[in-house]
Amino acid sequence: MKIYIMSDMEGVSGIHCAEYVRPGNHQYTEGRRLLTADVNAAVEGALAGGADQVYVSDTHGGCDHFIIEDLHQAAIVDHNATGWWGELDETFDGVFMTCAHAMAGTQNAFLDHTQSSASVYNFRLNGRACGELGQFACMAGHFGVPVVLVTGDRAACEEAREFFPGVETAEVKWARSRLRAVCLSPEKGQALIRDAAARAVKLCKTVKPFKVKTPIEVVWEYFRTEFADSHAKRPGVDRIDSRAVRYTVDSQLDIFAHR
């Protein structure tokens, strides 16, 4: 049994404000420690559930936030050398998305965004609004691999259950506003993650991979016209209106092909 763990940072147990996820702030070092602990809990749970190999990937901005020397000794670290999906392929049985956040524009969600909170207003696949959970699941689905666990704030877990019926979730906090969250203790959050991960391994044969009908229309809506101006200059990209562009791809793996 082979599990791939994709980790963001906004949904980490105990992280309650943005300063923990941004390098240069004094809370960031603690944020890295909490992130690594959550990922370790997911690894422990995967192993307890029957996994033989567990890959872990840091996809938070810059992709260099794990405290490598503190990672679980069984974790195989994927540094995303071949794209956002890294070493993920059809040999994996299931995907965990840990420390996740909800898509841009989600009410009562902690640090909701899609790619960039500074530029991206919305992202759509065949007309359906989709965040980073759906994007990564789309790539996993290309290989026939289902998302079986999502951990993070309540809004992220609700989004996961909407997109991936039957998925296991671990809600470690809930938002009071976009910039503030109420958190379980890190120890309790990590225990929830560990237990949910063990259960999630059992779902690999029952939860269906996320599939999108091809060809896929990809739409990016931006906050300001200048971002659409720049994107519209790329080959294969059409301008829809002042703030939005679109393109079409034939594979779920190519949803960022003209980004």
Protein backbone atom coordinates (compact mmCIF):
# COMPACT_ATOMS: atom_id res chain seq x y z
CA MET A 1 0.00 0.00 0.00
CA LYS A 2 1.50 3.30 -1.17
CA ILE A 3 0.31 6.72 0.07
CA TYR A 4 1.18 10.20 -1.20
CA ILE A 5 0.82 13.07 1.29
CA MET A 6 0.51 16.58 -0.11
CA SER A 7 0.84 19.25 2.57
CA ASP A 8 -0.01 22.92 2.60
CA MET A 9 0.44 25.10 5.70
CA GLU A 10 -2.65 27.21 6.38
CA GLY A 11 -4.54 24.21 7.78
CA VAL A 12 -1.92 23.16 10.33
CA SER A 13 -3.03 22.32 13.89
CA GLY A 14 -2.48 25.29 16.19
CA ILE A 15 -1.83 27.89 13.49
CA HIS A 16 -4.33 30.68 14.14
CA CYS A 17 -2.96 33.70 12.26
CA ALA A 18 -1.14 34.38 9.01
CA GLU A 19 2.23 35.20 10.60
CA TYR A 20 2.85 31.48 11.22
CA VAL A 21 2.88 30.65 7.50
CA ARG A 22 5.01 33.52 6.19
CA PRO A 23 8.81 33.38 6.28
CA GLY A 24 10.33 36.39 7.99
CA ASN A 25 7.78 36.59 10.81
CA HIS A 26 8.88 35.51 14.27
CA GLN A 27 6.04 32.93 14.48
CA TYR A 28 7.16 31.20 11.27
CA THR A 29 9.70 28.92 13.00
CA GLU A 30 6.95 27.63 15.27
CA GLY A 31 4.70 27.24 12.22
CA ARG A 32 7.29 24.98 10.60
CA ARG A 33 7.46 22.85 13.74
CA LEU A 34 3.69 22.49 13.88
CA LEU A 35 3.55 21.68 10.16
CA THR A 36 6.13 18.93 10.51
CA ALA A 37 4.26 17.47 13.49
CA ASP A 38 0.98 17.32 11.55
CA VAL A 39 2.65 15.61 8.61
CA ASN A 40 4.31 13.13 10.96
CA ALA A 41 0.91 12.35 12.45
CA ALA A 42 -0.44 11.60 8.98
CA VAL A 43 2.57 9.38 8.23
CA GLU A 44 2.09 7.51 11.52
CA GLY A 45 -1.58 7.01 10.77
CA ALA A 46 -0.89 5.79 7.24
CA LEU A 47 1.59 3.22 8.54
CA ALA A 48 -0.82 2.12 11.26
CA GLY A 49 -3.52 1.71 8.61
CA GLY A 50 -1.37 -0.62 6.54
CA ALA A 51 0.68 1.58 4.22
CA ASP A 52 4.10 0.23 3.20
CA GLN A 53 5.45 3.42 1.60
CA VAL A 54 4.58 7.02 2.41
CA TYR A 55 5.76 9.95 0.29
CA VAL A 56 5.43 13.51 1.63
CA SER A 57 5.41 16.72 -0.41
CA ASP A 58 5.48 20.35 0.76
CA THR A 59 3.40 22.45 -1.65
CA HIS A 60 3.12 25.63 0.44
CA GLY A 61 4.64 28.68 -1.27
CA GLY A 62 8.32 28.01 -1.88
CA CYS A 63 7.96 24.30 -1.01
CA ASP A 64 10.66 24.41 1.66
CA HIS A 65 8.94 24.54 5.04
CA PHE A 66 9.33 21.08 6.57
CA ILE A 67 11.95 20.71 9.28
CA ILE A 68 13.57 17.86 7.39
CA GLU A 69 15.55 16.42 10.29
CA ASP A 70 12.35 16.14 12.35
CA LEU A 71 10.28 14.32 9.73
CA HIS A 72 9.19 10.76 10.48
CA GLN A 73 11.97 8.37 9.51
CA ALA A 74 9.60 6.41 7.26
CA ALA A 75 8.69 9.48 5.19
CA ILE A 76 10.09 9.70 1.65
CA VAL A 77 10.41 13.40 0.83
CA ASP A 78 9.35 14.41 -2.68
CA HIS A 79 10.79 17.78 -3.65
CA ASN A 80 8.47 18.21 -6.66
CA ALA A 81 11.21 17.99 -9.27
CA THR A 82 8.79 17.08 -12.08
CA GLY A 83 5.84 19.37 -11.42
CA TRP A 84 3.22 20.06 -8.76
CA TRP A 85 2.36 16.36 -8.65
CA GLY A 86 5.99 15.37 -8.10
CA GLU A 87 6.49 11.59 -7.98
CA LEU A 88 2.76 10.88 -7.80
CA ASP A 89 1.76 8.32 -10.42
CA GLU A 90 -0.50 5.30 -10.96
CA THR A 91 1.55 3.17 -8.54
CA PHE A 92 0.04 5.02 -5.55
CA ASP A 93 -3.12 3.78 -3.85
CA GLY A 94 -4.31 6.99 -2.21
CA VAL A 95 -3.61 10.66 -1.58
CA PHE A 96 -3.76 12.55 1.72
CA MET A 97 -4.10 16.35 1.60
CA THR A 98 -2.93 17.65 4.95
CA CYS A 99 -2.97 21.16 6.45
CA ALA A 100 -5.37 22.33 3.74
CA HIS A 101 -7.33 25.55 3.26
CA ALA A 102 -10.57 26.33 1.42
CA MET A 103 -10.82 27.92 -2.01
CA ALA A 104 -10.87 31.68 -2.58
CA GLY A 105 -14.10 33.36 -1.55
CA THR A 106 -15.22 30.74 0.97
CA GLN A 107 -17.09 32.26 3.89
CA ASN A 108 -15.89 31.40 7.40
CA ALA A 109 -12.63 29.95 6.10
CA PHE A 110 -9.16 30.56 7.52
CA LEU A 111 -6.78 32.18 4.97
CA ASP A 112 -8.96 31.06 2.04
CA HIS A 113 -7.30 31.54 -1.34
CA THR A 114 -6.56 29.81 -4.64
CA GLN A 115 -2.87 30.02 -5.55
CA SER A 116 -2.46 33.71 -4.79
CA SER A 117 -4.57 35.75 -2.40
CA ALA A 118 -3.13 38.84 -4.09
CA SER A 119 -4.19 38.09 -7.66
CA VAL A 120 -6.60 35.15 -8.16
CA TYR A 121 -10.29 35.82 -7.54
CA ASN A 122 -11.60 32.51 -8.86
CA PHE A 123 -10.57 29.37 -10.75
CA ARG A 124 -12.99 27.14 -12.68
CA LEU A 125 -12.86 23.73 -14.32
CA ASN A 126 -15.69 23.26 -16.81
CA GLY A 127 -17.58 26.05 -15.08
CA ARG A 128 -17.18 24.69 -11.54
CA ALA A 129 -15.37 26.83 -8.98
CA CYS A 130 -12.38 24.90 -7.73
CA GLY A 131 -9.58 25.54 -5.24
CA GLU A 132 -6.24 23.92 -4.57
CA LEU A 133 -7.91 20.80 -3.15
CA GLY A 134 -9.71 20.23 -6.43
CA GLN A 135 -6.67 21.13 -8.51
CA PHE A 136 -4.39 18.61 -6.85
CA ALA A 137 -7.14 15.98 -6.82
CA CYS A 138 -7.57 16.59 -10.55
CA MET A 139 -3.92 15.68 -11.09
CA ALA A 140 -4.17 12.65 -8.81
CA GLY A 141 -7.29 11.61 -10.69
CA HIS A 142 -5.32 11.65 -13.93
CA PHE A 143 -3.37 8.70 -12.50
CA GLY A 144 -6.53 7.04 -11.11
CA VAL A 145 -5.56 7.79 -7.51
CA PRO A 146 -8.29 8.94 -5.08
CA VAL A 147 -8.08 11.57 -2.37
CA VAL A 148 -8.94 9.67 0.82
CA LEU A 149 -8.00 12.16 3.57
CA VAL A 150 -8.14 15.94 4.00
CA THR A 151 -7.05 17.72 7.19
CA GLY A 152 -7.36 21.41 7.97
CA ASP A 153 -9.94 23.91 9.07
CA ARG A 154 -13.68 23.17 9.06
CA ALA A 155 -14.28 24.97 5.75
CA ALA A 156 -11.56 22.99 3.97
CA CYS A 157 -12.99 19.72 5.28
CA GLU A 158 -16.50 20.71 4.17
CA GLU A 159 -15.15 21.51 0.71
CA ALA A 160 -13.41 18.14 0.60
CA ARG A 161 -16.58 16.27 1.47
CA GLU A 162 -18.42 18.11 -1.31
CA PHE A 163 -15.78 17.32 -3.94
CA PHE A 164 -14.75 13.81 -2.83
CA PRO A 165 -17.71 11.82 -1.46
CA GLY A 166 -16.63 9.31 1.16
CA VAL A 167 -13.36 11.10 1.99
CA GLU A 168 -12.05 10.98 5.56
CA THR A 169 -11.47 14.37 7.21
CA ALA A 170 -9.84 15.78 10.34
CA GLU A 171 -11.08 19.24 11.41
CA VAL A 172 -8.40 20.76 13.62
CA LYS A 173 -9.76 24.35 13.79
CA TRP A 174 -12.49 26.69 12.58
CA ALA A 175 -12.40 30.30 11.44
CA ARG A 176 -13.71 33.31 13.31
CA SER A 177 -12.68 35.45 10.34
CA ARG A 178 -10.37 35.00 7.38
CA LEU A 179 -7.43 36.05 9.53
CA ARG A 180 -8.21 34.34 12.83
CA ALA A 181 -8.99 30.75 13.78
CA VAL A 182 -10.01 28.91 16.92
CA CYS A 183 -7.83 25.82 17.25
CA LEU A 184 -7.79 22.51 19.02
CA SER A 185 -4.54 21.94 20.88
CA PRO A 186 -1.83 20.69 18.51
CA GLU A 187 -1.70 17.42 20.43
CA LYS A 188 -5.42 16.83 20.00
CA GLY A 189 -5.33 17.93 16.36
CA GLN A 190 -2.47 15.58 15.60
CA ALA A 191 -4.30 12.72 17.33
CA LEU A 192 -7.32 13.36 15.10
CA ILE A 193 -5.07 13.38 12.04
CA ARG A 194 -3.35 10.16 13.09
CA ASP A 195 -6.64 8.33 13.63
CA ALA A 196 -8.24 9.69 10.45
CA ALA A 197 -5.18 8.72 8.41
CA ALA A 198 -5.34 5.14 9.65
CA ARG A 199 -9.01 4.95 8.65
CA ALA A 200 -8.34 6.66 5.31
CA VAL A 201 -5.95 3.95 4.11
CA LYS A 202 -8.90 1.55 4.19
CA LEU A 203 -10.79 3.81 1.75
CA CYS A 204 -8.33 3.58 -1.13
CA LYS A 205 -10.41 0.96 -2.92
CA THR A 206 -13.81 2.56 -2.27
CA VAL A 207 -13.39 6.33 -2.77
CA LYS A 208 -13.41 7.21 -6.46
CA PRO A 209 -10.65 9.27 -8.10
CA PHE A 210 -11.65 12.84 -8.96
CA LYS A 211 -12.50 12.98 -12.65
CA VAL A 212 -13.28 15.95 -14.89
CA LYS A 213 -14.90 15.53 -18.30
CA THR A 214 -12.48 16.29 -21.14
CA PRO A 215 -11.77 18.51 -22.94
CA ILE A 216 -11.48 20.75 -19.89
CA GLU A 217 -12.21 24.46 -20.03
CA VAL A 218 -9.95 26.24 -17.53
CA VAL A 219 -10.92 29.76 -16.45
CA TRP A 220 -8.86 32.13 -14.32
CA GLU A 221 -10.59 35.19 -12.87
CA TYR A 222 -8.32 37.84 -11.39
CA PHE A 223 -8.76 40.72 -8.98
CA ARG A 224 -7.33 43.27 -11.40
CA THR A 225 -7.08 43.69 -15.16
CA GLU A 226 -3.28 43.76 -15.18
CA PHE A 227 -3.10 40.08 -14.17
CA ALA A 228 -5.44 39.11 -16.99
CA ASP A 229 -3.42 41.34 -19.36
CA SER A 230 -0.29 39.32 -18.61
CA HIS A 231 -1.94 35.88 -18.73
CA ALA A 232 -3.77 36.63 -21.99
CA LYS A 233 -0.42 37.02 -23.78
CA ARG A 234 0.38 33.31 -23.39
CA PRO A 235 -0.16 31.01 -26.40
CA GLY A 236 -3.49 29.20 -26.35
CA VAL A 237 -5.12 31.64 -23.91
CA ASP A 238 -8.29 33.60 -24.76
CA ARG A 239 -9.46 36.76 -23.06
CA ILE A 240 -13.04 36.47 -21.73
CA ASP A 241 -13.43 39.91 -20.22
CA SER A 242 -11.40 42.55 -18.44
CA ARG A 243 -10.38 40.29 -15.54
CA ALA A 244 -10.71 36.72 -16.87
CA VAL A 245 -9.00 34.37 -19.32
CA ARG A 246 -9.60 30.80 -20.45
CA TYR A 247 -7.96 27.92 -22.29
CA THR A 248 -8.79 24.29 -23.05
CA VAL A 249 -6.75 21.18 -22.29
CA ASP A 250 -7.26 17.48 -23.03
CA SER A 251 -5.76 16.04 -19.84
CA GLN A 252 -6.37 16.58 -16.14
CA LEU A 253 -2.62 16.76 -15.68
CA ASP A 254 -2.48 19.83 -17.93
CA ILE A 255 -4.80 22.22 -16.12
CA PHE A 256 -1.82 24.56 -15.54
CA ALA A 257 -0.42 24.11 -19.05
CA HIS A 258 -1.00 27.74 -20.06
CA ARG A 259 -0.58 29.31 -16.62
